[in-house]
Amino acid sequence: MNGFTKNGFYELIYKNERFSFLQYIRKDVICDVCYITLKNVITGETMTFDQAEVRGLKIAGEEASAS
């Protein structure tokens, strides 16, 4: 998950739920746990995900890759 770019939208599968239209905000490591923060550009909602629970991540329009 180190391939984030400032431009582009992502689709993510987290705990068997799909999230779309996400824009990368930042990556944090707190107490040895890696979190990624993404913003839904449609709703404006900002969400933080535990990287260990992410099951798929892709740039919109590309094939999904497992974490």
Protein backbone atom coordinates (compact mmCIF):
# COMPACT_ATOMS: atom_id res chain seq x y z
CA MET A 1 0.00 0.00 0.00
CA ASN A 2 2.88 2.31 -0.56
CA GLY A 3 1.78 3.18 -4.10
CA PHE A 4 -0.57 6.03 -3.28
CA THR A 5 -0.55 9.03 -5.55
CA LYS A 6 -1.92 12.45 -4.80
CA ASN A 7 -4.19 12.23 -7.86
CA GLY A 8 -6.67 9.52 -8.63
CA PHE A 9 -9.51 7.81 -6.85
CA TYR A 10 -9.36 4.52 -5.02
CA GLU A 11 -11.71 1.65 -4.32
CA LEU A 12 -11.17 -0.30 -1.12
CA ILE A 13 -12.56 -3.49 0.43
CA TYR A 14 -12.52 -3.32 4.23
CA LYS A 15 -14.09 -6.02 6.40
CA ASN A 16 -16.08 -7.27 3.37
CA GLU A 17 -17.50 -3.80 2.64
CA ARG A 18 -16.64 -1.88 -0.53
CA PHE A 19 -15.82 1.83 -0.46
CA SER A 20 -15.48 3.87 -3.67
CA PHE A 21 -14.58 7.39 -4.81
CA LEU A 22 -11.83 7.65 -2.22
CA GLN A 23 -8.98 10.14 -2.28
CA TYR A 24 -5.78 9.48 -0.32
CA ILE A 25 -5.24 11.80 2.66
CA ARG A 26 -2.47 10.25 4.78
CA LYS A 27 -0.87 7.17 6.33
CA ASP A 28 -0.13 6.97 10.08
CA VAL A 29 1.60 4.42 12.29
CA ILE A 30 0.41 4.46 15.89
CA CYS A 31 1.68 1.85 18.37
CA ASP A 32 2.85 -0.40 15.51
CA VAL A 33 -0.56 -0.27 13.80
CA CYS A 34 -0.69 1.25 10.32
CA TYR A 35 -3.76 3.33 9.45
CA ILE A 36 -4.68 4.90 6.12
CA THR A 37 -7.02 7.85 5.91
CA LEU A 38 -9.10 8.39 2.79
CA LYS A 39 -11.85 10.85 1.89
CA ASN A 40 -14.99 10.04 -0.09
CA VAL A 41 -15.07 12.83 -2.67
CA ILE A 42 -18.82 12.42 -3.24
CA THR A 43 -20.01 12.62 0.39
CA GLY A 44 -17.05 14.48 1.90
CA GLU A 45 -16.76 11.81 4.62
CA THR A 46 -13.23 11.14 5.89
CA MET A 47 -12.52 7.55 6.96
CA THR A 48 -9.55 5.89 8.65
CA PHE A 49 -8.87 2.19 8.02
CA ASP A 50 -6.62 -0.29 9.84
CA GLN A 51 -4.33 -1.52 7.07
CA ALA A 52 -4.40 -5.09 8.45
CA GLU A 53 -8.17 -5.27 7.76
CA VAL A 54 -7.96 -4.01 4.15
CA ARG A 55 -8.66 -6.92 1.79
CA GLY A 56 -8.39 -5.11 -1.54
CA LEU A 57 -7.26 -1.76 -2.82
CA LYS A 58 -7.17 -0.44 -6.36
CA ILE A 59 -7.07 2.76 -8.31
CA ALA A 60 -10.55 3.22 -9.82
CA GLY A 61 -10.70 1.39 -13.14
CA GLU A 62 -7.83 -1.04 -12.43
CA GLU A 63 -7.69 -4.63 -11.13
CA ALA A 64 -7.86 -5.04 -7.32
CA SER A 65 -4.78 -6.13 -5.42
CA ALA A 66 -4.69 -7.77 -2.00
CA SER A 67 -2.84 -6.02 0.79
